Structures are given as C-alpha cells and as structure tokens.
C-alpha cells in the first residue's frame, strides 16, 4: 500500500467489516455514534447516525441553495465546475438553469417509462 487512497480504502474496509446487524440496521460498535462520520466513514446506520447524516445533507443542500443567483429569471448556482446539465446538479445544488432543468426532466421521463 503506497497511495493515500489505498490506505483509506483499507481503513474503510476494516471499519465496514466490523459492522453487525441490529434490528435490521447495520451497526458499528467502534463508530462515533450520532455523527455523520459514523454513518459515512464507519457505515453505521443506527438511528442516531442516520439522523445525523440526514441533517448534514440537508444543511449542505441549504447552504448550496442559498448561493444561487437570479440569472435571466432562473435561479442558477454560480459555482464553476459543478456540472451543469446533470440531474444531480438540479437536485443537490438547486440549479434551475436550462441545461439542468432539461436533464432533470429527461431523468423523470425515463423513470416514469420503466
């Protein structure tokens, strides 16, 4: 193991390997419970870790949504490199530029067609 990503993968693998099923949820006894880190880095899906991870995602999305600016009557996220024209950008960043709206609509249509 030489690269940092390989070390990170090995650490995460060891953490995930220590999980056990408790009441139908993955539980990691070594995780810092009630934190987003417990959910994301240790794979612990106990109720406190799941709630903390959900709250962190919600807070991150609210911060992203607050950064939007009005351009041509549409709320657009101004950050360069976020990947306009993707359904993910529509949802995670709240970008309503035309390419993001088109991508989101196409995704919705393909989901309904299944």
Protein backbone atom coordinates (compact mmCIF):
# COMPACT_ATOMS: atom_id res chain seq x y z
CA UNK A 1 0.00 0.00 0.00
CA UNK A 2 1.58 3.20 -1.10
CA UNK A 3 -1.05 5.70 -2.07
CA UNK A 4 -3.29 7.55 0.31
CA UNK A 5 -6.44 6.32 -1.44
CA UNK A 6 -5.36 2.70 -0.98
CA UNK A 7 -4.82 3.30 2.73
CA UNK A 8 -8.20 5.00 3.01
CA UNK A 9 -9.88 2.07 1.25
CA UNK A 10 -8.20 -0.40 3.60
CA UNK A 11 -9.27 1.57 6.68
CA UNK A 12 -12.85 1.90 5.45
CA UNK A 13 -12.96 -1.80 4.56
CA UNK A 14 -11.83 -2.71 8.08
CA UNK A 15 -14.44 -0.39 9.60
CA UNK A 16 -17.23 -1.77 7.43
CA UNK A 17 -16.15 -5.33 8.17
CA UNK A 18 -16.75 -4.74 11.89
CA UNK A 19 -20.44 -3.95 11.42
CA UNK A 20 -23.22 -6.18 12.75
CA UNK A 21 -26.95 -6.24 12.06
CA UNK A 22 -29.03 -4.97 14.97
CA UNK A 23 -32.79 -4.74 14.50
CA UNK A 24 -32.36 -4.78 10.71
CA UNK A 25 -29.82 -1.91 10.66
CA UNK A 26 -26.06 -2.03 10.24
CA UNK A 27 -24.38 -1.06 13.49
CA UNK A 28 -20.67 -0.42 14.00
CA UNK A 29 -19.66 -0.63 17.67
CA UNK A 30 -16.50 1.45 17.09
CA UNK A 31 -18.25 4.35 15.29
CA UNK A 32 -18.68 7.79 16.85
CA UNK A 33 -22.46 7.47 17.16
CA UNK A 34 -24.78 10.35 16.40
CA UNK A 35 -22.40 11.83 13.81
CA UNK A 36 -22.36 11.98 10.04
CA UNK A 37 -18.86 10.48 10.26
CA UNK A 38 -20.30 7.39 11.93
CA UNK A 39 -22.67 6.94 9.01
CA UNK A 40 -20.31 7.84 6.15
CA UNK A 41 -16.93 6.58 7.34
CA UNK A 42 -17.92 3.65 9.55
CA UNK A 43 -21.07 2.52 7.75
CA UNK A 44 -23.11 2.67 10.95
CA UNK A 45 -26.80 3.01 10.15
CA UNK A 46 -28.12 3.16 13.69
CA UNK A 47 -30.88 5.72 14.25
CA UNK A 48 -28.60 8.46 15.69
CA UNK A 49 -26.00 8.12 12.89
CA UNK A 50 -28.68 8.05 10.19
CA UNK A 51 -30.34 11.15 11.64
CA UNK A 52 -27.01 13.00 11.86
CA UNK A 53 -26.11 12.12 8.26
CA UNK A 54 -29.54 13.24 7.02
CA UNK A 55 -29.22 16.52 8.92
CA UNK A 56 -25.74 17.10 7.45
CA UNK A 57 -27.00 16.55 3.89
CA UNK A 58 -29.95 18.85 4.48
CA UNK A 59 -27.69 21.58 5.90
CA UNK A 60 -25.24 21.23 2.99
CA UNK A 61 -28.06 21.49 0.44
CA UNK A 62 -29.49 24.54 2.19
CA UNK A 63 -26.08 26.24 2.03
CA UNK A 64 -25.82 25.41 -1.66
CA UNK A 65 -29.35 26.65 -2.35
CA UNK A 66 -28.56 29.93 -0.56
CA UNK A 67 -25.70 30.56 -3.02
CA UNK A 68 -27.98 30.62 -6.07
CA UNK A 69 -28.38 33.83 -8.04
CA UNK A 70 -31.12 35.03 -10.35
CA UNK A 71 -29.97 34.96 -13.98
CA UNK A 72 -32.49 35.61 -16.72
CA UNK A 73 -35.41 34.80 -14.44
CA UNK A 74 -33.90 31.48 -13.28
CA UNK A 75 -32.15 30.59 -10.02
CA UNK A 76 -28.72 29.36 -11.05
CA UNK A 77 -25.86 28.05 -8.94
CA UNK A 78 -22.80 30.14 -9.85
CA UNK A 79 -20.01 27.77 -8.78
CA UNK A 80 -17.75 26.74 -11.65
CA UNK A 81 -17.23 23.05 -12.19
CA UNK A 82 -20.42 21.75 -10.58
CA UNK A 83 -21.51 20.08 -13.82
CA UNK A 84 -24.44 21.95 -15.27
CA UNK A 85 -26.77 19.84 -17.36
CA UNK A 86 -26.94 16.96 -14.87
CA UNK A 87 -29.99 15.82 -12.91
CA UNK A 88 -27.80 15.70 -9.81
CA UNK A 89 -26.98 19.41 -10.09
CA UNK A 90 -30.70 20.18 -10.27
CA UNK A 91 -31.34 18.34 -7.00
CA UNK A 92 -28.18 18.90 -4.92
CA UNK A 93 -27.46 22.49 -5.91
CA UNK A 94 -30.98 23.62 -6.77
CA UNK A 95 -29.73 24.92 -10.10
CA UNK A 96 -32.56 25.81 -12.44
CA UNK A 97 -30.53 26.78 -15.50
CA UNK A 98 -31.98 25.42 -18.73
CA UNK A 99 -29.49 22.53 -19.14
CA UNK A 100 -30.10 21.34 -15.55
CA UNK A 101 -33.89 21.57 -15.99
CA UNK A 102 -33.75 19.60 -19.25
CA UNK A 103 -31.56 16.89 -17.67
CA UNK A 104 -33.91 16.62 -14.69
CA UNK A 105 -36.96 16.36 -16.97
CA UNK A 106 -35.33 13.64 -19.05
CA UNK A 107 -34.45 11.67 -15.92
CA UNK A 108 -38.02 11.96 -14.65
CA UNK A 109 -39.41 10.81 -18.01
CA UNK A 110 -37.11 7.79 -18.11
CA UNK A 111 -38.11 6.83 -14.54
CA UNK A 112 -41.80 7.02 -15.39
CA UNK A 113 -41.27 4.93 -18.54
CA UNK A 114 -39.87 1.98 -16.52
